[in-house]
Amino acid sequence: ERSGSMRDDTGASWQSDYAGHNADDKLPVVNVSWND
């Protein structure tokens, strides 16, 4: 949000939302690879 762009976050996972926060179960899952 501070820069208005995407950044790498080593702590983000499939359980995170688009900004790296805990995601609600009704949101589309993101931060997943093609393999996932």
PDB file of all heavy atoms in Angstrom:
ATOM      1  N   GLU A   1       0.822  -1.206   0.000  1.00  0.00           N
ATOM      2  CA  GLU A   1       0.000   0.000   0.000  1.00  0.00           C
ATOM      3  C   GLU A   1       0.860   1.262   0.000  1.00  0.00           C
ATOM      4  O   GLU A   1       0.500   2.268  -0.624  1.00  0.00           O
ATOM      5  CB  GLU A   1      -0.920  -0.012   1.226  1.00  0.00           C
ATOM      6  CG  GLU A   1      -1.759   1.244   1.407  1.00  0.00           C
ATOM      7  CD  GLU A   1      -2.765   1.451   0.297  1.00  0.00           C
ATOM      8  OE1 GLU A   1      -3.178   0.466  -0.350  1.00  0.00           O
ATOM      9  OE2 GLU A   1      -3.156   2.608   0.056  1.00  0.00           O
ATOM     10  N   ARG A   2       2.023   1.214   0.648  1.00  0.00           N
ATOM     11  CA  ARG A   2       2.855   2.415   0.737  1.00  0.00           C
ATOM     12  C   ARG A   2       3.417   2.818  -0.612  1.00  0.00           C
ATOM     13  O   ARG A   2       3.428   3.994  -0.973  1.00  0.00           O
ATOM     14  CB  ARG A   2       4.001   2.190   1.733  1.00  0.00           C
ATOM     15  CG  ARG A   2       3.524   2.106   3.192  1.00  0.00           C
ATOM     16  CD  ARG A   2       4.655   1.747   4.108  1.00  0.00           C
ATOM     17  NE  ARG A   2       5.225   0.426   3.788  1.00  0.00           N
ATOM     18  CZ  ARG A   2       6.260  -0.111   4.410  1.00  0.00           C
ATOM     19  NH1 ARG A   2       6.869   0.555   5.372  1.00  0.00           N
ATOM     20  NH2 ARG A   2       6.691  -1.304   4.078  1.00  0.00           N
ATOM     21  N   SER A   3       3.856   1.805  -1.413  1.00  0.00           N
ATOM     22  CA  SER A   3       4.447   2.130  -2.718  1.00  0.00           C
ATOM     23  C   SER A   3       3.428   2.037  -3.856  1.00  0.00           C
ATOM     24  O   SER A   3       3.670   2.537  -4.958  1.00  0.00           O
ATOM     25  CB  SER A   3       5.624   1.195  -3.010  1.00  0.00           C
ATOM     26  OG  SER A   3       5.162  -0.154  -3.129  1.00  0.00           O
ATOM     27  N   GLY A   4       2.326   1.345  -3.590  1.00  0.00           N
ATOM     28  CA  GLY A   4       1.328   1.155  -4.634  1.00  0.00           C
ATOM     29  C   GLY A   4       1.733   0.119  -5.663  1.00  0.00           C
ATOM     30  O   GLY A   4       1.203   0.123  -6.783  1.00  0.00           O
ATOM     31  N   SER A   5       2.652  -0.767  -5.335  1.00  0.00           N
ATOM     32  CA  SER A   5       3.104  -1.796  -6.269  1.00  0.00           C
ATOM     33  C   SER A   5       3.232  -3.129  -5.538  1.00  0.00           C
ATOM     34  O   SER A   5       3.047  -3.208  -4.325  1.00  0.00           O
ATOM     35  CB  SER A   5       4.452  -1.393  -6.882  1.00  0.00           C
ATOM     36  OG  SER A   5       5.436  -1.241  -5.867  1.00  0.00           O
ATOM     37  N   MET A   6       3.570  -4.174  -6.295  1.00  0.00           N
ATOM     38  CA  MET A   6       3.732  -5.503  -5.718  1.00  0.00           C
ATOM     39  C   MET A   6       5.141  -5.651  -5.166  1.00  0.00           C
ATOM     40  O   MET A   6       6.114  -5.125  -5.730  1.00  0.00           O
ATOM     41  CB  MET A   6       3.465  -6.569  -6.772  1.00  0.00           C
ATOM     42  CG  MET A   6       2.105  -6.484  -7.448  1.00  0.00           C
ATOM     43  SD  MET A   6       0.704  -6.711  -6.334  1.00  0.00           S
ATOM     44  CE  MET A   6       0.844  -8.469  -5.971  1.00  0.00           C
ATOM     45  N   ARG A   7       5.289  -6.397  -4.057  1.00  0.00           N
ATOM     46  CA  ARG A   7       6.598  -6.646  -3.458  1.00  0.00           C
ATOM     47  C   ARG A   7       6.657  -8.081  -2.968  1.00  0.00           C
ATOM     48  O   ARG A   7       5.629  -8.699  -2.683  1.00  0.00           O
ATOM     49  CB  ARG A   7       6.850  -5.688  -2.301  1.00  0.00           C
ATOM     50  CG  ARG A   7       5.898  -5.888  -1.128  1.00  0.00           C
ATOM     51  CD  ARG A   7       6.236  -5.011   0.061  1.00  0.00           C
ATOM     52  NE  ARG A   7       5.259  -5.197   1.140  1.00  0.00           N
ATOM     53  CZ  ARG A   7       5.318  -6.183   2.040  1.00  0.00           C
ATOM     54  NH1 ARG A   7       6.305  -7.073   1.997  1.00  0.00           N
ATOM     55  NH2 ARG A   7       4.401  -6.279   2.992  1.00  0.00           N
ATOM     56  N   ASP A   8       7.837  -8.646  -2.875  1.00  0.00           N
ATOM     57  CA  ASP A   8       8.016  -9.998  -2.348  1.00  0.00           C
ATOM     58  C   ASP A   8       7.919  -9.975  -0.835  1.00  0.00           C
ATOM     59  O   ASP A   8       8.517  -9.113  -0.168  1.00  0.00           O
ATOM     60  CB  ASP A   8       9.373 -10.566  -2.764  1.00  0.00           C
ATOM     61  CG  ASP A   8       9.446 -10.867  -4.253  1.00  0.00           C
ATOM     62  OD1 ASP A   8       8.361 -11.010  -4.866  1.00  0.00           O
ATOM     63  OD2 ASP A   8      10.564 -10.950  -4.790  1.00  0.00           O
ATOM     64  N   ASP A   9       7.151 -10.935  -0.320  1.00  0.00           N
ATOM     65  CA  ASP A   9       6.978 -11.052   1.128  1.00  0.00           C
ATOM     66  C   ASP A   9       7.221 -12.505   1.484  1.00  0.00           C
ATOM     67  O   ASP A   9       6.430 -13.386   1.151  1.00  0.00           O
ATOM     68  CB  ASP A   9       5.571 -10.623   1.525  1.00  0.00           C
ATOM     69  CG  ASP A   9       5.338 -10.660   3.039  1.00  0.00           C
ATOM     70  OD1 ASP A   9       6.185 -11.224   3.769  1.00  0.00           O
ATOM     71  OD2 ASP A   9       4.297 -10.144   3.480  1.00  0.00           O
ATOM     72  N   THR A  10       8.325 -12.793   2.169  1.00  0.00           N
ATOM     73  CA  THR A  10       8.683 -14.182   2.499  1.00  0.00           C
ATOM     74  C   THR A  10       7.716 -14.809   3.497  1.00  0.00           C
ATOM     75  O   THR A  10       7.641 -16.028   3.610  1.00  0.00           O
ATOM     76  CB  THR A  10      10.099 -14.251   3.079  1.00  0.00           C
ATOM     77  OG1 THR A  10      10.170 -13.393   4.236  1.00  0.00           O
ATOM     78  CG2 THR A  10      11.127 -13.794   2.052  1.00  0.00           C
ATOM     79  N   GLY A  11       6.945 -13.979   4.179  1.00  0.00           N
ATOM     80  CA  GLY A  11       5.997 -14.511   5.155  1.00  0.00           C
ATOM     81  C   GLY A  11       4.611 -14.731   4.572  1.00  0.00           C
ATOM     82  O   GLY A  11       3.748 -15.320   5.228  1.00  0.00           O
ATOM     83  N   ALA A  12       4.395 -14.275   3.343  1.00  0.00           N
ATOM     84  CA  ALA A  12       3.060 -14.437   2.739  1.00  0.00           C
ATOM     85  C   ALA A  12       2.875 -15.872   2.247  1.00  0.00           C
ATOM     86  O   ALA A  12       3.824 -16.515   1.799  1.00  0.00           O
ATOM     87  CB  ALA A  12       2.887 -13.458   1.595  1.00  0.00           C
ATOM     88  N   SER A  13       1.645 -16.354   2.310  1.00  0.00           N
ATOM     89  CA  SER A  13       1.333 -17.718   1.859  1.00  0.00           C
ATOM     90  C   SER A  13      -0.072 -17.754   1.277  1.00  0.00           C
ATOM     91  O   SER A  13      -0.755 -16.730   1.177  1.00  0.00           O
ATOM     92  CB  SER A  13       1.440 -18.708   3.025  1.00  0.00           C
ATOM     93  OG  SER A  13       0.333 -18.558   3.905  1.00  0.00           O
ATOM     94  N   TRP A  14      -0.491 -18.939   0.927  1.00  0.00           N
ATOM     95  CA  TRP A  14      -1.843 -19.116   0.382  1.00  0.00           C
ATOM     96  C   TRP A  14      -2.917 -18.697   1.383  1.00  0.00           C
ATOM     97  O   TRP A  14      -4.063 -18.456   1.009  1.00  0.00           O
ATOM     98  CB  TRP A  14      -2.057 -20.565  -0.037  1.00  0.00           C
ATOM     99  CG  TRP A  14      -1.950 -21.556   1.116  1.00  0.00           C
ATOM    100  CD1 TRP A  14      -0.829 -22.195   1.536  1.00  0.00           C
ATOM    101  CD2 TRP A  14      -3.018 -21.978   1.981  1.00  0.00           C
ATOM    102  NE1 TRP A  14      -1.098 -23.009   2.621  1.00  0.00           N
ATOM    103  CE2 TRP A  14      -2.455 -22.885   2.901  1.00  0.00           C
ATOM    104  CE3 TRP A  14      -4.372 -21.681   2.078  1.00  0.00           C
ATOM    105  CZ2 TRP A  14      -3.206 -23.493   3.920  1.00  0.00           C
ATOM    106  CZ3 TRP A  14      -5.123 -22.283   3.076  1.00  0.00           C
ATOM    107  CH2 TRP A  14      -4.537 -23.190   3.992  1.00  0.00           C
ATOM    108  N   GLN A  15      -2.581 -18.643   2.665  1.00  0.00           N
ATOM    109  CA  GLN A  15      -3.531 -18.219   3.694  1.00  0.00           C
ATOM    110  C   GLN A  15      -3.607 -16.702   3.811  1.00  0.00           C
ATOM    111  O   GLN A  15      -4.411 -16.183   4.575  1.00  0.00           O
ATOM    112  CB  GLN A  15      -3.142 -18.813   5.046  1.00  0.00           C
ATOM    113  CG  GLN A  15      -3.108 -20.345   5.048  1.00  0.00           C
ATOM    114  CD  GLN A  15      -2.774 -20.931   6.400  1.00  0.00           C
ATOM    115  OE1 GLN A  15      -3.631 -21.007   7.287  1.00  0.00           O
ATOM    116  NE2 GLN A  15      -1.520 -21.329   6.571  1.00  0.00           N
ATOM    117  N   SER A  16      -2.768 -16.000   3.024  1.00  0.00           N
ATOM    118  CA  SER A  16      -2.726 -14.537   3.066  1.00  0.00           C
ATOM    119  C   SER A  16      -3.576 -13.963   1.944  1.00  0.00           C
ATOM    120  O   SER A  16      -3.789 -14.596   0.907  1.00  0.00           O
ATOM    121  CB  SER A  16      -1.287 -14.040   2.920  1.00  0.00           C
ATOM    122  OG  SER A  16      -0.431 -14.651   3.862  1.00  0.00           O
ATOM    123  N   ASP A  17      -4.019 -12.720   2.149  1.00  0.00           N
ATOM    124  CA  ASP A  17      -4.753 -12.059   1.082  1.00  0.00           C
ATOM    125  C   ASP A  17      -3.776 -11.357   0.150  1.00  0.00           C
ATOM    126  O   ASP A  17      -2.552 -11.565   0.230  1.00  0.00           O
ATOM    127  CB  ASP A  17      -5.798 -11.105   1.651  1.00  0.00           C
ATOM    128  CG  ASP A  17      -5.182  -9.923   2.403  1.00  0.00           C
ATOM    129  OD1 ASP A  17      -3.928  -9.775   2.373  1.00  0.00           O
ATOM    130  OD2 ASP A  17      -5.947  -9.141   2.996  1.00  0.00           O
ATOM    131  N   TYR A  18      -4.283 -10.478  -0.711  1.00  0.00           N
ATOM    132  CA  TYR A  18      -3.445  -9.822  -1.729  1.00  0.00           C
ATOM    133  C   TYR A  18      -2.360  -8.950  -1.117  1.00  0.00           C
ATOM    134  O   TYR A  18      -1.337  -8.689  -1.734  1.00  0.00           O
ATOM    135  CB  TYR A  18      -4.342  -8.989  -2.645  1.00  0.00           C
ATOM    136  CG  TYR A  18      -4.793  -7.677  -2.028  1.00  0.00           C
ATOM    137  CD1 TYR A  18      -4.255  -6.476  -2.471  1.00  0.00           C
ATOM    138  CD2 TYR A  18      -5.742  -7.641  -1.006  1.00  0.00           C
ATOM    139  CE1 TYR A  18      -4.664  -5.270  -1.916  1.00  0.00           C
ATOM    140  CE2 TYR A  18      -6.143  -6.460  -0.449  1.00  0.00           C
ATOM    141  CZ  TYR A  18      -5.616  -5.270  -0.905  1.00  0.00           C
ATOM    142  OH  TYR A  18      -6.008  -4.076  -0.342  1.00  0.00           O
ATOM    143  N   ALA A  19      -2.580  -8.499   0.159  1.00  0.00           N
ATOM    144  CA  ALA A  19      -1.614  -7.602   0.803  1.00  0.00           C
ATOM    145  C   ALA A  19      -0.778  -8.311   1.858  1.00  0.00           C
ATOM    146  O   ALA A  19      -0.003  -7.656   2.571  1.00  0.00           O
ATOM    147  CB  ALA A  19      -2.343  -6.413   1.428  1.00  0.00           C
ATOM    148  N   GLY A  20      -0.936  -9.626   1.993  1.00  0.00           N
ATOM    149  CA  GLY A  20      -0.141 -10.379   2.961  1.00  0.00           C
ATOM    150  C   GLY A  20      -0.809 -10.547   4.296  1.00  0.00           C
ATOM    151  O   GLY A  20      -0.201 -11.106   5.215  1.00  0.00           O
ATOM    152  N   HIS A  21      -2.052 -10.094   4.443  1.00  0.00           N
ATOM    153  CA  HIS A  21      -2.780 -10.263   5.707  1.00  0.00           C
ATOM    154  C   HIS A  21      -3.566 -11.578   5.675  1.00  0.00           C
ATOM    155  O   HIS A  21      -3.742 -12.191   4.622  1.00  0.00           O
ATOM    156  CB  HIS A  21      -3.727  -9.084   5.927  1.00  0.00           C
ATOM    157  CG  HIS A  21      -3.048  -7.756   5.848  1.00  0.00           C
ATOM    158  ND1 HIS A  21      -3.518  -6.704   5.093  1.00  0.00           N
ATOM    159  CD2 HIS A  21      -1.898  -7.303   6.430  1.00  0.00           C
ATOM    160  CE1 HIS A  21      -2.722  -5.664   5.200  1.00  0.00           C
ATOM    161  NE2 HIS A  21      -1.708  -6.013   6.011  1.00  0.00           N
ATOM    162  N   ASN A  22      -4.037 -11.991   6.853  1.00  0.00           N
ATOM    163  CA  ASN A  22      -4.842 -13.217   6.905  1.00  0.00           C
ATOM    164  C   ASN A  22      -6.077 -13.064   6.006  1.00  0.00           C
ATOM    165  O   ASN A  22      -6.772 -12.047   6.055  1.00  0.00           O
ATOM    166  CB  ASN A  22      -5.274 -13.507   8.343  1.00  0.00           C
ATOM    167  CG  ASN A  22      -4.114 -13.987   9.203  1.00  0.00           C
ATOM    168  OD1 ASN A  22      -3.142 -14.543   8.690  1.00  0.00           O
ATOM    169  ND2 ASN A  22      -4.206 -13.755  10.514  1.00  0.00           N
ATOM    170  N   ALA A  23      -6.323 -14.096   5.210  1.00  0.00           N
ATOM    171  CA  ALA A  23      -7.405 -14.026   4.224  1.00  0.00           C
ATOM    172  C   ALA A  23      -8.674 -14.671   4.751  1.00  0.00           C
ATOM    173  O   ALA A  23      -8.628 -15.690   5.452  1.00  0.00           O
ATOM    174  CB  ALA A  23      -6.981 -14.716   2.937  1.00  0.00           C
ATOM    175  N   ASP A  24      -9.824 -14.076   4.383  1.00  0.00           N
ATOM    176  CA  ASP A  24     -11.131 -14.664   4.702  1.00  0.00           C
ATOM    177  C   ASP A  24     -11.362 -15.886   3.812  1.00  0.00           C
ATOM    178  O   ASP A  24     -10.948 -15.926   2.658  1.00  0.00           O
ATOM    179  CB  ASP A  24     -12.232 -13.624   4.473  1.00  0.00           C
ATOM    180  CG  ASP A  24     -13.584 -14.126   4.925  1.00  0.00           C
ATOM    181  OD1 ASP A  24     -14.258 -14.800   4.115  1.00  0.00           O
ATOM    182  OD2 ASP A  24     -13.967 -13.859   6.077  1.00  0.00           O
ATOM    183  N   ASP A  25     -12.059 -16.890   4.349  1.00  0.00           N
ATOM    184  CA  ASP A  25     -12.292 -18.129   3.597  1.00  0.00           C
ATOM    185  C   ASP A  25     -13.095 -17.907   2.325  1.00  0.00           C
ATOM    186  O   ASP A  25     -13.046 -18.730   1.399  1.00  0.00           O
ATOM    187  CB  ASP A  25     -13.015 -19.151   4.476  1.00  0.00           C
ATOM    188  CG  ASP A  25     -12.051 -19.908   5.389  1.00  0.00           C
ATOM    189  OD1 ASP A  25     -10.827 -19.689   5.271  1.00  0.00           O
ATOM    190  OD2 ASP A  25     -12.523 -20.714   6.215  1.00  0.00           O
ATOM    191  N   LYS A  26     -13.856 -16.814   2.220  1.00  0.00           N
ATOM    192  CA  LYS A  26     -14.688 -16.577   1.037  1.00  0.00           C
ATOM    193  C   LYS A  26     -13.949 -15.847  -0.074  1.00  0.00           C
ATOM    194  O   LYS A  26     -14.495 -15.687  -1.171  1.00  0.00           O
ATOM    195  CB  LYS A  26     -15.938 -15.786   1.429  1.00  0.00           C
ATOM    196  CG  LYS A  26     -16.877 -16.551   2.350  1.00  0.00           C
ATOM    197  CD  LYS A  26     -18.120 -15.738   2.683  1.00  0.00           C
ATOM    198  CE  LYS A  26     -19.050 -16.512   3.616  1.00  0.00           C
ATOM    199  NZ  LYS A  26     -20.262 -15.711   3.967  1.00  0.00           N
ATOM    200  N   LEU A  27     -12.743 -15.425   0.199  1.00  0.00           N
ATOM    201  CA  LEU A  27     -11.952 -14.772  -0.842  1.00  0.00           C
ATOM    202  C   LEU A  27     -11.356 -15.819  -1.778  1.00  0.00           C
ATOM    203  O   LEU A  27     -11.125 -16.967  -1.371  1.00  0.00           O
ATOM    204  CB  LEU A  27     -10.826 -13.964  -0.213  1.00  0.00           C
ATOM    205  CG  LEU A  27     -11.220 -12.676   0.522  1.00  0.00           C
ATOM    206  CD1 LEU A  27     -10.012 -12.114   1.259  1.00  0.00           C
ATOM    207  CD2 LEU A  27     -11.772 -11.650  -0.467  1.00  0.00           C
ATOM    208  N   PRO A  28     -11.093 -15.447  -3.030  1.00  0.00           N
ATOM    209  CA  PRO A  28     -10.390 -16.389  -3.907  1.00  0.00           C
ATOM    210  C   PRO A  28      -8.972 -16.606  -3.388  1.00  0.00           C
ATOM    211  O   PRO A  28      -8.298 -15.648  -2.969  1.00  0.00           O
ATOM    212  CB  PRO A  28     -10.404 -15.682  -5.264  1.00  0.00           C
ATOM    213  CG  PRO A  28     -10.518 -14.232  -4.943  1.00  0.00           C
ATOM    214  CD  PRO A  28     -11.364 -14.153  -3.708  1.00  0.00           C
ATOM    215  N   VAL A  29      -8.514 -17.846  -3.413  1.00  0.00           N
ATOM    216  CA  VAL A  29      -7.164 -18.109  -2.935  1.00  0.00           C
ATOM    217  C   VAL A  29      -6.161 -17.518  -3.921  1.00  0.00           C
ATOM    218  O   VAL A  29      -6.308 -17.634  -5.141  1.00  0.00           O
ATOM    219  CB  VAL A  29      -6.936 -19.623  -2.741  1.00  0.00           C
ATOM    220  CG1 VAL A  29      -6.968 -20.375  -4.056  1.00  0.00           C
ATOM    221  CG2 VAL A  29      -5.615 -19.873  -2.000  1.00  0.00           C
ATOM    222  N   VAL A  30      -5.153 -16.792  -3.392  1.00  0.00           N
ATOM    223  CA  VAL A  30      -4.077 -16.226  -4.200  1.00  0.00           C
ATOM    224  C   VAL A  30      -2.754 -16.690  -3.600  1.00  0.00           C
ATOM    225  O   VAL A  30      -2.726 -17.493  -2.675  1.00  0.00           O
ATOM    226  CB  VAL A  30      -4.162 -14.682  -4.249  1.00  0.00           C
ATOM    227  CG1 VAL A  30      -5.382 -14.230  -5.041  1.00  0.00           C
ATOM    228  CG2 VAL A  30      -4.183 -14.083  -2.836  1.00  0.00           C
ATOM    229  N   ASN A  31      -1.693 -16.221  -4.166  1.00  0.00           N
ATOM    230  CA  ASN A  31      -0.358 -16.623  -3.696  1.00  0.00           C
ATOM    231  C   ASN A  31      -0.150 -18.128  -3.856  1.00  0.00           C
ATOM    232  O   ASN A  31       0.520 -18.772  -3.030  1.00  0.00           O
ATOM    233  CB  ASN A  31      -0.144 -16.223  -2.225  1.00  0.00           C
ATOM    234  CG  ASN A  31      -0.373 -14.739  -1.987  1.00  0.00           C
ATOM    235  OD1 ASN A  31       0.003 -13.918  -2.838  1.00  0.00           O
ATOM    236  ND2 ASN A  31      -0.975 -14.389  -0.860  1.00  0.00           N
ATOM    237  N   VAL A  32      -0.751 -18.690  -4.913  1.00  0.00           N
ATOM    238  CA  VAL A  32      -0.578 -20.109  -5.214  1.00  0.00           C
ATOM    239  C   VAL A  32       0.079 -20.243  -6.581  1.00  0.00           C
ATOM    240  O   VAL A  32      -0.161 -19.441  -7.495  1.00  0.00           O
ATOM    241  CB  VAL A  32      -1.925 -20.866  -5.201  1.00  0.00           C
ATOM    242  CG1 VAL A  32      -2.452 -21.015  -3.785  1.00  0.00           C
ATOM    243  CG2 VAL A  32      -2.951 -20.166  -6.079  1.00  0.00           C
ATOM    244  N   SER A  33       0.909 -21.260  -6.734  1.00  0.00           N
ATOM    245  CA  SER A  33       1.613 -21.489  -7.993  1.00  0.00           C
ATOM    246  C   SER A  33       0.773 -22.362  -8.924  1.00  0.00           C
ATOM    247  O   SER A  33      -0.255 -22.918  -8.526  1.00  0.00           O
ATOM    248  CB  SER A  33       2.946 -22.177  -7.719  1.00  0.00           C
ATOM    249  OG  SER A  33       2.731 -23.499  -7.226  1.00  0.00           O
ATOM    250  N   TRP A  34       1.285 -22.494 -10.165  1.00  0.00           N
ATOM    251  CA  TRP A  34       0.634 -23.410 -11.119  1.00  0.00           C
ATOM    252  C   TRP A  34       0.678 -24.828 -10.574  1.00  0.00           C
ATOM    253  O   TRP A  34      -0.286 -25.584 -10.715  1.00  0.00           O
ATOM    254  CB  TRP A  34       1.360 -23.332 -12.468  1.00  0.00           C
ATOM    255  CG  TRP A  34       0.758 -24.203 -13.537  1.00  0.00           C
ATOM    256  CD1 TRP A  34      -0.209 -23.865 -14.413  1.00  0.00           C
ATOM    257  CD2 TRP A  34       1.121 -25.567 -13.837  1.00  0.00           C
ATOM    258  NE1 TRP A  34      -0.513 -24.915 -15.246  1.00  0.00           N
ATOM    259  CE2 TRP A  34       0.308 -25.992 -14.916  1.00  0.00           C
ATOM    260  CE3 TRP A  34       2.052 -26.462 -13.309  1.00  0.00           C
ATOM    261  CZ2 TRP A  34       0.396 -27.257 -15.468  1.00  0.00           C
ATOM    262  CZ3 TRP A  34       2.118 -27.733 -13.856  1.00  0.00           C
ATOM    263  CH2 TRP A  34       1.301 -28.126 -14.944  1.00  0.00           C
ATOM    264  N   ASN A  35       1.793 -25.182  -9.898  1.00  0.00           N
ATOM    265  CA  ASN A  35       1.928 -26.527  -9.321  1.00  0.00           C
ATOM    266  C   ASN A  35       0.878 -26.765  -8.240  1.00  0.00           C
ATOM    267  O   ASN A  35       0.308 -27.859  -8.137  1.00  0.00           O
ATOM    268  CB  ASN A  35       3.325 -26.704  -8.733  1.00  0.00           C
ATOM    269  CG  ASN A  35       4.412 -26.497  -9.770  1.00  0.00           C
ATOM    270  OD1 ASN A  35       4.355 -27.057 -10.859  1.00  0.00           O
ATOM    271  ND2 ASN A  35       5.404 -25.664  -9.443  1.00  0.00           N
ATOM    272  N   ASP A  36       0.619 -25.720  -7.425  1.00  0.00           N
ATOM    273  CA  ASP A  36      -0.392 -25.846  -6.375  1.00  0.00           C
ATOM    274  C   ASP A  36      -1.778 -26.059  -6.987  1.00  0.00           C
ATOM    275  O   ASP A  36      -2.561 -26.883  -6.508  1.00  0.00           O
ATOM    276  CB  ASP A  36      -0.422 -24.585  -5.507  1.00  0.00           C
ATOM    277  CG  ASP A  36       0.880 -24.352  -4.753  1.00  0.00           C
ATOM    278  OD1 ASP A  36       1.607 -25.342  -4.506  1.00  0.00           O
ATOM    279  OD2 ASP A  36       1.165 -23.187  -4.419  1.00  0.00           O
TER     280      ASP A  36
END
